[in-house]
């Protein structure tokens, strides 16, 4: 397996339950994890195609509200709920403490608290409502584009920012070795996909991404002293939810 395919395989296996056939069993270096960021939007496109296909198959037979729920189920199954877990952990940390060390300790706790549960419910409800609106408007293109854009936003949040835990963690290898090259490569996938699938409304989506990225970077530094894997996962979920909402609002255009 070539280095590029090896990194695509890493991105796919890290972000989803899927694996490339014949993927390499060679141990990967921390630099490979960081370089897999270049392929995060590509994985997002695959997830988006799965969502769009599911919508196309179910829409003729089910009400749009029921189809929207099944789209959520497919998304959670394919991603193992990885980013939702990050959103819940971050919400519990921000709501349950006021200093960096305690917040970081809360994020390592596998149990979910009130703030995390509420964040999950609101996120899933907002996505389901946006899905229904897009289905009612017969708009499938956003289902393909937005997962790629949200994962591009995740790479932007991780770019040249301190890692919060001195002891290390799951996100540290991604963050500390991420370079401009990987971020640029991710953009070369996300940007054309957005403009091809979303047309001129892609400008609005990129403006929203910029605001979300700036918000999460500032939030992470002020409340945690840096980013963690949970922060990256939460940024993906918030970006997806915001972009689906924006797409629903723009669907009549």
C-alpha atoms as a PDB file:
ATOM      1  CA  UNK A   1       0.000   0.000   0.000  1.00  0.00           C
ATOM      2  CA  UNK A   2       1.406   3.402  -1.022  1.00  0.00           C
ATOM      3  CA  UNK A   3       1.908   6.084   1.632  1.00  0.00           C
ATOM      4  CA  UNK A   4      -1.088   8.049   0.317  1.00  0.00           C
ATOM      5  CA  UNK A   5      -3.428   5.052   0.421  1.00  0.00           C
ATOM      6  CA  UNK A   6      -2.038   4.160   3.825  1.00  0.00           C
ATOM      7  CA  UNK A   7      -3.043   7.611   5.119  1.00  0.00           C
ATOM      8  CA  UNK A   8      -6.449   7.458   3.445  1.00  0.00           C
ATOM      9  CA  UNK A   9      -6.926   4.100   5.146  1.00  0.00           C
ATOM     10  CA  UNK A  10      -5.958   5.666   8.481  1.00  0.00           C
ATOM     11  CA  UNK A  11      -8.433   8.515   8.018  1.00  0.00           C
ATOM     12  CA  UNK A  12     -11.205   6.137   7.003  1.00  0.00           C
ATOM     13  CA  UNK A  13     -10.642   3.696   9.851  1.00  0.00           C
ATOM     14  CA  UNK A  14     -10.277   6.472  12.427  1.00  0.00           C
ATOM     15  CA  UNK A  15     -13.380   8.440  11.404  1.00  0.00           C
ATOM     16  CA  UNK A  16     -15.675   5.546  10.454  1.00  0.00           C
ATOM     17  CA  UNK A  17     -16.345   1.849  10.956  1.00  0.00           C
ATOM     18  CA  UNK A  18     -15.191   1.259   7.370  1.00  0.00           C
ATOM     19  CA  UNK A  19     -11.813  -0.016   6.188  1.00  0.00           C
ATOM     20  CA  UNK A  20     -10.109  -0.170   2.824  1.00  0.00           C
ATOM     21  CA  UNK A  21      -9.705  -3.710   1.455  1.00  0.00           C
ATOM     22  CA  UNK A  22      -6.189  -5.014   1.964  1.00  0.00           C
ATOM     23  CA  UNK A  23      -5.230  -2.103   4.186  1.00  0.00           C
ATOM     24  CA  UNK A  24      -1.666  -2.156   5.400  1.00  0.00           C
ATOM     25  CA  UNK A  25      -0.886  -3.855   8.700  1.00  0.00           C
ATOM     26  CA  UNK A  26       2.331  -1.836   8.971  1.00  0.00           C
ATOM     27  CA  UNK A  27       2.510   0.172  12.202  1.00  0.00           C
ATOM     28  CA  UNK A  28       1.855   3.848  11.552  1.00  0.00           C
ATOM     29  CA  UNK A  29       3.890   6.797  12.786  1.00  0.00           C
ATOM     30  CA  UNK A  30       2.483   9.886  14.487  1.00  0.00           C
ATOM     31  CA  UNK A  31       3.318  11.854  11.338  1.00  0.00           C
ATOM     32  CA  UNK A  32       1.034   9.532   9.354  1.00  0.00           C
ATOM     33  CA  UNK A  33      -1.852  10.322  11.693  1.00  0.00           C
ATOM     34  CA  UNK A  34      -1.342  14.047  11.158  1.00  0.00           C
ATOM     35  CA  UNK A  35      -1.009  13.638   7.401  1.00  0.00           C
ATOM     36  CA  UNK A  36      -4.277  11.719   7.317  1.00  0.00           C
ATOM     37  CA  UNK A  37      -5.956  15.083   8.039  1.00  0.00           C
ATOM     38  CA  UNK A  38      -5.521  15.800   4.329  1.00  0.00           C
ATOM     39  CA  UNK A  39      -8.050  13.063   3.624  1.00  0.00           C
ATOM     40  CA  UNK A  40     -10.661  13.942   6.255  1.00  0.00           C
ATOM     41  CA  UNK A  41     -12.872  15.776   3.711  1.00  0.00           C
ATOM     42  CA  UNK A  42     -12.612  12.777   1.374  1.00  0.00           C
ATOM     43  CA  UNK A  43     -13.942  10.554   4.143  1.00  0.00           C
ATOM     44  CA  UNK A  44     -16.647  13.148   4.714  1.00  0.00           C
ATOM     45  CA  UNK A  45     -17.661  12.897   1.064  1.00  0.00           C
ATOM     46  CA  UNK A  46     -17.998   9.120   1.403  1.00  0.00           C
ATOM     47  CA  UNK A  47     -20.180   9.552   4.478  1.00  0.00           C
ATOM     48  CA  UNK A  48     -22.201  12.158   2.621  1.00  0.00           C
ATOM     49  CA  UNK A  49     -22.726   9.858  -0.348  1.00  0.00           C
ATOM     50  CA  UNK A  50     -23.967   7.168   2.043  1.00  0.00           C
ATOM     51  CA  UNK A  51     -26.415   9.659   3.550  1.00  0.00           C
ATOM     52  CA  UNK A  52     -27.644  10.852   0.165  1.00  0.00           C
ATOM     53  CA  UNK A  53     -28.087   7.267  -1.049  1.00  0.00           C
ATOM     54  CA  UNK A  54     -30.024   6.397   2.093  1.00  0.00           C
ATOM     55  CA  UNK A  55     -32.256   9.430   1.581  1.00  0.00           C
ATOM     56  CA  UNK A  56     -32.853   8.548  -2.078  1.00  0.00           C
ATOM     57  CA  UNK A  57     -33.781   4.961  -1.190  1.00  0.00           C
ATOM     58  CA  UNK A  58     -36.076   5.740   1.750  1.00  0.00           C
ATOM     59  CA  UNK A  59     -37.774   8.962   0.674  1.00  0.00           C
ATOM     60  CA  UNK A  60     -40.211   7.313  -1.791  1.00  0.00           C
ATOM     61  CA  UNK A  61     -41.517   5.003   0.929  1.00  0.00           C
ATOM     62  CA  UNK A  62     -41.323   6.929   4.216  1.00  0.00           C
ATOM     63  CA  UNK A  63     -42.425  10.338   5.465  1.00  0.00           C
ATOM     64  CA  UNK A  64     -39.609  12.874   5.516  1.00  0.00           C
ATOM     65  CA  UNK A  65     -39.537  12.977   9.330  1.00  0.00           C
ATOM     66  CA  UNK A  66     -38.995   9.208   9.536  1.00  0.00           C
ATOM     67  CA  UNK A  67     -36.365   9.325   6.800  1.00  0.00           C
ATOM     68  CA  UNK A  68     -34.570  12.090   8.709  1.00  0.00           C
ATOM     69  CA  UNK A  69     -34.346   9.901  11.805  1.00  0.00           C
ATOM     70  CA  UNK A  70     -32.962   7.009   9.780  1.00  0.00           C
ATOM     71  CA  UNK A  71     -30.346   9.328   8.288  1.00  0.00           C
ATOM     72  CA  UNK A  72     -29.249  10.129  11.829  1.00  0.00           C
ATOM     73  CA  UNK A  73     -29.062   6.422  12.638  1.00  0.00           C
ATOM     74  CA  UNK A  74     -26.935   5.700   9.562  1.00  0.00           C
ATOM     75  CA  UNK A  75     -24.606   8.592  10.410  1.00  0.00           C
ATOM     76  CA  UNK A  76     -24.142   7.491  14.016  1.00  0.00           C
ATOM     77  CA  UNK A  77     -23.526   3.858  13.032  1.00  0.00           C
ATOM     78  CA  UNK A  78     -20.989   4.728  10.328  1.00  0.00           C
ATOM     79  CA  UNK A  79     -19.040   7.105  12.569  1.00  0.00           C
ATOM     80  CA  UNK A  80     -19.443   5.098  15.811  1.00  0.00           C
ATOM     81  CA  UNK A  81     -20.780   8.295  17.369  1.00  0.00           C
ATOM     82  CA  UNK A  82     -17.138   9.377  17.750  1.00  0.00           C
ATOM     83  CA  UNK A  83     -17.731  13.109  17.388  1.00  0.00           C
ATOM     84  CA  UNK A  84     -20.948  13.048  19.390  1.00  0.00           C
ATOM     85  CA  UNK A  85     -18.928  11.645  22.264  1.00  0.00           C
ATOM     86  CA  UNK A  86     -16.564  14.602  21.955  1.00  0.00           C
ATOM     87  CA  UNK A  87     -19.472  17.042  21.999  1.00  0.00           C
ATOM     88  CA  UNK A  88     -20.927  15.477  25.151  1.00  0.00           C
ATOM     89  CA  UNK A  89     -17.550  15.428  26.921  1.00  0.00           C
ATOM     90  CA  UNK A  90     -16.841  19.071  26.075  1.00  0.00           C
ATOM     91  CA  UNK A  91     -20.316  20.185  27.201  1.00  0.00           C
ATOM     92  CA  UNK A  92     -19.909  18.360  30.528  1.00  0.00           C
ATOM     93  CA  UNK A  93     -16.465  19.902  31.034  1.00  0.00           C
ATOM     94  CA  UNK A  94     -17.578  23.460  30.293  1.00  0.00           C
ATOM     95  CA  UNK A  95     -20.720  23.146  32.364  1.00  0.00           C
ATOM     96  CA  UNK A  96     -19.229  21.259  35.280  1.00  0.00           C
ATOM     97  CA  UNK A  97     -16.037  23.147  36.182  1.00  0.00           C
ATOM     98  CA  UNK A  98     -14.284  26.511  36.016  1.00  0.00           C
ATOM     99  CA  UNK A  99     -10.579  25.638  35.822  1.00  0.00           C
ATOM    100  CA  UNK A 100      -8.512  23.913  33.147  1.00  0.00           C
ATOM    101  CA  UNK A 101      -7.353  20.802  35.081  1.00  0.00           C
ATOM    102  CA  UNK A 102     -10.817  19.918  36.365  1.00  0.00           C
ATOM    103  CA  UNK A 103     -12.375  20.383  32.957  1.00  0.00           C
ATOM    104  CA  UNK A 104      -9.760  18.104  31.402  1.00  0.00           C
ATOM    105  CA  UNK A 105     -10.417  15.488  34.084  1.00  0.00           C
ATOM    106  CA  UNK A 106     -14.167  15.631  33.391  1.00  0.00           C
ATOM    107  CA  UNK A 107     -13.540  15.103  29.684  1.00  0.00           C
ATOM    108  CA  UNK A 108     -11.673  11.868  30.454  1.00  0.00           C
ATOM    109  CA  UNK A 109     -14.616  10.508  32.463  1.00  0.00           C
ATOM    110  CA  UNK A 110     -16.540   7.948  30.399  1.00  0.00           C
ATOM    111  CA  UNK A 111     -19.806   8.816  32.151  1.00  0.00           C
ATOM    112  CA  UNK A 112     -22.151  11.377  30.607  1.00  0.00           C
ATOM    113  CA  UNK A 113     -23.581  14.231  32.656  1.00  0.00           C
ATOM    114  CA  UNK A 114     -26.568  16.523  32.318  1.00  0.00           C
ATOM    115  CA  UNK A 115     -24.776  19.087  30.157  1.00  0.00           C
ATOM    116  CA  UNK A 116     -23.523  16.397  27.785  1.00  0.00           C
ATOM    117  CA  UNK A 117     -26.918  14.735  27.495  1.00  0.00           C
ATOM    118  CA  UNK A 118     -28.636  18.045  26.754  1.00  0.00           C
ATOM    119  CA  UNK A 119     -25.998  18.943  24.157  1.00  0.00           C
ATOM    120  CA  UNK A 120     -26.511  15.605  22.396  1.00  0.00           C
ATOM    121  CA  UNK A 121     -30.301  15.920  22.382  1.00  0.00           C
ATOM    122  CA  UNK A 122     -30.230  19.469  21.027  1.00  0.00           C
ATOM    123  CA  UNK A 123     -27.644  18.583  18.368  1.00  0.00           C
ATOM    124  CA  UNK A 124     -29.542  15.527  17.123  1.00  0.00           C
ATOM    125  CA  UNK A 125     -32.893  17.352  17.208  1.00  0.00           C
ATOM    126  CA  UNK A 126     -31.472  20.266  15.198  1.00  0.00           C
ATOM    127  CA  UNK A 127     -29.959  17.883  12.653  1.00  0.00           C
ATOM    128  CA  UNK A 128     -33.180  15.907  12.301  1.00  0.00           C
ATOM    129  CA  UNK A 129     -35.186  19.111  11.733  1.00  0.00           C
ATOM    130  CA  UNK A 130     -32.694  20.315   9.119  1.00  0.00           C
ATOM    131  CA  UNK A 131     -32.723  16.900   7.428  1.00  0.00           C
ATOM    132  CA  UNK A 132     -36.515  16.978   7.209  1.00  0.00           C
ATOM    133  CA  UNK A 133     -36.450  20.449   5.695  1.00  0.00           C
ATOM    134  CA  UNK A 134     -33.890  19.427   3.077  1.00  0.00           C
ATOM    135  CA  UNK A 135     -35.831  16.262   2.235  1.00  0.00           C
ATOM    136  CA  UNK A 136     -39.054  18.246   1.859  1.00  0.00           C
ATOM    137  CA  UNK A 137     -37.218  20.539  -0.553  1.00  0.00           C
ATOM    138  CA  UNK A 138     -35.766  17.523  -2.438  1.00  0.00           C
ATOM    139  CA  UNK A 139     -32.244  18.759  -1.711  1.00  0.00           C
ATOM    140  CA  UNK A 140     -29.734  15.907  -1.575  1.00  0.00           C
ATOM    141  CA  UNK A 141     -26.543  17.780  -2.483  1.00  0.00           C
ATOM    142  CA  UNK A 142     -26.051  19.222   1.041  1.00  0.00           C
ATOM    143  CA  UNK A 143     -26.041  15.692   2.465  1.00  0.00           C
ATOM    144  CA  UNK A 144     -22.945  14.981   0.349  1.00  0.00           C
ATOM    145  CA  UNK A 145     -21.106  18.274   0.775  1.00  0.00           C
ATOM    146  CA  UNK A 146     -21.582  19.142   4.429  1.00  0.00           C
ATOM    147  CA  UNK A 147     -19.816  16.136   6.037  1.00  0.00           C
ATOM    148  CA  UNK A 148     -16.756  17.045   3.945  1.00  0.00           C
ATOM    149  CA  UNK A 149     -16.935  20.694   4.998  1.00  0.00           C
ATOM    150  CA  UNK A 150     -17.322  19.902   8.695  1.00  0.00           C
ATOM    151  CA  UNK A 151     -14.255  17.671   8.621  1.00  0.00           C
ATOM    152  CA  UNK A 152     -12.319  20.418   6.863  1.00  0.00           C
ATOM    153  CA  UNK A 153     -13.374  22.709   9.716  1.00  0.00           C
ATOM    154  CA  UNK A 154     -12.016  20.138  12.168  1.00  0.00           C
ATOM    155  CA  UNK A 155      -8.620  20.280  10.450  1.00  0.00           C
ATOM    156  CA  UNK A 156      -8.668  24.082  10.626  1.00  0.00           C
ATOM    157  CA  UNK A 157      -9.376  23.989  14.364  1.00  0.00           C
ATOM    158  CA  UNK A 158      -6.393  21.652  14.870  1.00  0.00           C
ATOM    159  CA  UNK A 159      -3.915  23.693  12.841  1.00  0.00           C
ATOM    160  CA  UNK A 160      -1.021  25.195  14.854  1.00  0.00           C
ATOM    161  CA  UNK A 161      -2.704  25.242  18.248  1.00  0.00           C
ATOM    162  CA  UNK A 162      -1.397  23.819  21.545  1.00  0.00           C
ATOM    163  CA  UNK A 163      -2.524  20.446  22.784  1.00  0.00           C
ATOM    164  CA  UNK A 164      -4.225  20.869  26.163  1.00  0.00           C
ATOM    165  CA  UNK A 165      -2.930  17.792  28.009  1.00  0.00           C
ATOM    166  CA  UNK A 166       0.738  17.594  28.928  1.00  0.00           C
ATOM    167  CA  UNK A 167       0.325  13.833  29.406  1.00  0.00           C
ATOM    168  CA  UNK A 168      -0.851  13.322  25.833  1.00  0.00           C
ATOM    169  CA  UNK A 169      -3.991  11.783  24.445  1.00  0.00           C
ATOM    170  CA  UNK A 170      -5.768  10.484  21.356  1.00  0.00           C
ATOM    171  CA  UNK A 171      -5.689  13.810  19.519  1.00  0.00           C
ATOM    172  CA  UNK A 172      -2.115  14.785  20.279  1.00  0.00           C
ATOM    173  CA  UNK A 173      -0.387  13.041  17.341  1.00  0.00           C
ATOM    174  CA  UNK A 174      -2.898  14.611  14.938  1.00  0.00           C
ATOM    175  CA  UNK A 175      -2.428  18.107  16.285  1.00  0.00           C
ATOM    176  CA  UNK A 176       1.307  18.335  16.926  1.00  0.00           C
ATOM    177  CA  UNK A 177       2.378  17.120  13.472  1.00  0.00           C
ATOM    178  CA  UNK A 178      -0.310  18.805  11.367  1.00  0.00           C
ATOM    179  CA  UNK A 179       1.259  21.133   8.800  1.00  0.00           C
ATOM    180  CA  UNK A 180       0.019  23.648   6.265  1.00  0.00           C
ATOM    181  CA  UNK A 181       0.500  21.027   3.537  1.00  0.00           C
ATOM    182  CA  UNK A 182      -2.204  18.755   4.987  1.00  0.00           C
ATOM    183  CA  UNK A 183      -4.571  21.674   5.589  1.00  0.00           C
ATOM    184  CA  UNK A 184      -4.108  22.871   2.002  1.00  0.00           C
ATOM    185  CA  UNK A 185      -4.687  19.378   0.620  1.00  0.00           C
ATOM    186  CA  UNK A 186      -7.888  19.086   2.666  1.00  0.00           C
ATOM    187  CA  UNK A 187      -9.037  22.426   1.273  1.00  0.00           C
ATOM    188  CA  UNK A 188      -8.418  21.273  -2.300  1.00  0.00           C
ATOM    189  CA  UNK A 189     -11.004  18.539  -1.692  1.00  0.00           C
ATOM    190  CA  UNK A 190     -13.522  20.482   0.373  1.00  0.00           C
ATOM    191  CA  UNK A 191     -13.694  23.669  -1.698  1.00  0.00           C
ATOM    192  CA  UNK A 192     -14.390  22.163  -5.154  1.00  0.00           C
ATOM    193  CA  UNK A 193     -16.902  19.738  -3.652  1.00  0.00           C
ATOM    194  CA  UNK A 194     -18.718  22.612  -1.959  1.00  0.00           C
ATOM    195  CA  UNK A 195     -18.953  24.812  -5.046  1.00  0.00           C
ATOM    196  CA  UNK A 196     -19.914  21.940  -7.355  1.00  0.00           C
ATOM    197  CA  UNK A 197     -22.620  20.636  -5.023  1.00  0.00           C
ATOM    198  CA  UNK A 198     -23.860  23.825  -3.364  1.00  0.00           C
ATOM    199  CA  UNK A 199     -23.317  26.443  -6.034  1.00  0.00           C
ATOM    200  CA  UNK A 200     -22.917  30.057  -4.958  1.00  0.00           C
ATOM    201  CA  UNK A 201     -24.369  29.267  -1.511  1.00  0.00           C
ATOM    202  CA  UNK A 202     -20.990  27.649  -0.780  1.00  0.00           C
ATOM    203  CA  UNK A 203     -19.739  31.165   0.038  1.00  0.00           C
ATOM    204  CA  UNK A 204     -22.205  31.319   2.944  1.00  0.00           C
ATOM    205  CA  UNK A 205     -21.115  27.886   4.136  1.00  0.00           C
ATOM    206  CA  UNK A 206     -17.441  28.856   4.148  1.00  0.00           C
ATOM    207  CA  UNK A 207     -18.252  32.051   6.036  1.00  0.00           C
ATOM    208  CA  UNK A 208     -20.038  29.923   8.647  1.00  0.00           C
ATOM    209  CA  UNK A 209     -17.060  27.549   8.831  1.00  0.00           C
ATOM    210  CA  UNK A 210     -14.694  30.454   9.470  1.00  0.00           C
ATOM    211  CA  UNK A 211     -16.835  31.728  12.351  1.00  0.00           C
ATOM    212  CA  UNK A 212     -17.123  28.245  13.884  1.00  0.00           C
ATOM    213  CA  UNK A 213     -13.372  27.619  13.604  1.00  0.00           C
ATOM    214  CA  UNK A 214     -12.514  30.960  15.213  1.00  0.00           C
ATOM    215  CA  UNK A 215     -15.049  30.306  17.978  1.00  0.00           C
ATOM    216  CA  UNK A 216     -13.685  26.848  18.809  1.00  0.00           C
ATOM    217  CA  UNK A 217     -10.062  27.900  18.732  1.00  0.00           C
ATOM    218  CA  UNK A 218     -10.755  30.784  21.099  1.00  0.00           C
ATOM    219  CA  UNK A 219     -12.982  28.638  23.317  1.00  0.00           C
ATOM    220  CA  UNK A 220     -10.352  25.895  23.572  1.00  0.00           C
ATOM    221  CA  UNK A 221      -7.540  28.273  24.527  1.00  0.00           C
ATOM    222  CA  UNK A 222      -9.599  30.184  27.090  1.00  0.00           C
ATOM    223  CA  UNK A 223     -11.317  27.246  28.779  1.00  0.00           C
ATOM    224  CA  UNK A 224      -8.847  24.364  28.387  1.00  0.00           C
ATOM    225  CA  UNK A 225      -5.509  25.893  27.513  1.00  0.00           C
ATOM    226  CA  UNK A 226      -5.545  24.159  24.113  1.00  0.00           C
ATOM    227  CA  UNK A 227      -7.414  21.583  22.106  1.00  0.00           C
ATOM    228  CA  UNK A 228      -8.058  17.881  22.639  1.00  0.00           C
ATOM    229  CA  UNK A 229      -9.587  15.136  20.521  1.00  0.00           C
ATOM    230  CA  UNK A 230     -12.929  15.878  22.182  1.00  0.00           C
ATOM    231  CA  UNK A 231     -12.719  19.512  21.120  1.00  0.00           C
ATOM    232  CA  UNK A 232     -12.100  18.444  17.527  1.00  0.00           C
ATOM    233  CA  UNK A 233     -15.034  16.036  17.632  1.00  0.00           C
ATOM    234  CA  UNK A 234     -17.292  18.708  19.104  1.00  0.00           C
ATOM    235  CA  UNK A 235     -16.230  21.186  16.415  1.00  0.00           C
ATOM    236  CA  UNK A 236     -17.226  18.686  13.744  1.00  0.00           C
ATOM    237  CA  UNK A 237     -20.677  18.170  15.288  1.00  0.00           C
ATOM    238  CA  UNK A 238     -21.341  21.871  15.757  1.00  0.00           C
ATOM    239  CA  UNK A 239     -20.127  22.621  12.224  1.00  0.00           C
ATOM    240  CA  UNK A 240     -22.328  19.887  10.739  1.00  0.00           C
ATOM    241  CA  UNK A 241     -25.381  21.057  12.666  1.00  0.00           C
ATOM    242  CA  UNK A 242     -24.836  24.708  11.744  1.00  0.00           C
ATOM    243  CA  UNK A 243     -24.178  23.944   8.075  1.00  0.00           C
ATOM    244  CA  UNK A 244     -27.214  21.684   7.738  1.00  0.00           C
ATOM    245  CA  UNK A 245     -29.318  24.422   9.335  1.00  0.00           C
ATOM    246  CA  UNK A 246     -27.858  26.961   6.934  1.00  0.00           C
ATOM    247  CA  UNK A 247     -28.491  24.676   3.968  1.00  0.00           C
ATOM    248  CA  UNK A 248     -32.100  24.245   5.069  1.00  0.00           C
ATOM    249  CA  UNK A 249     -32.510  28.009   5.341  1.00  0.00           C
ATOM    250  CA  UNK A 250     -31.001  28.508   1.866  1.00  0.00           C
ATOM    251  CA  UNK A 251     -32.805  25.600   0.192  1.00  0.00           C
ATOM    252  CA  UNK A 252     -35.504  27.797  -1.393  1.00  0.00           C
ATOM    253  CA  UNK A 253     -32.810  29.808  -3.197  1.00  0.00           C
END
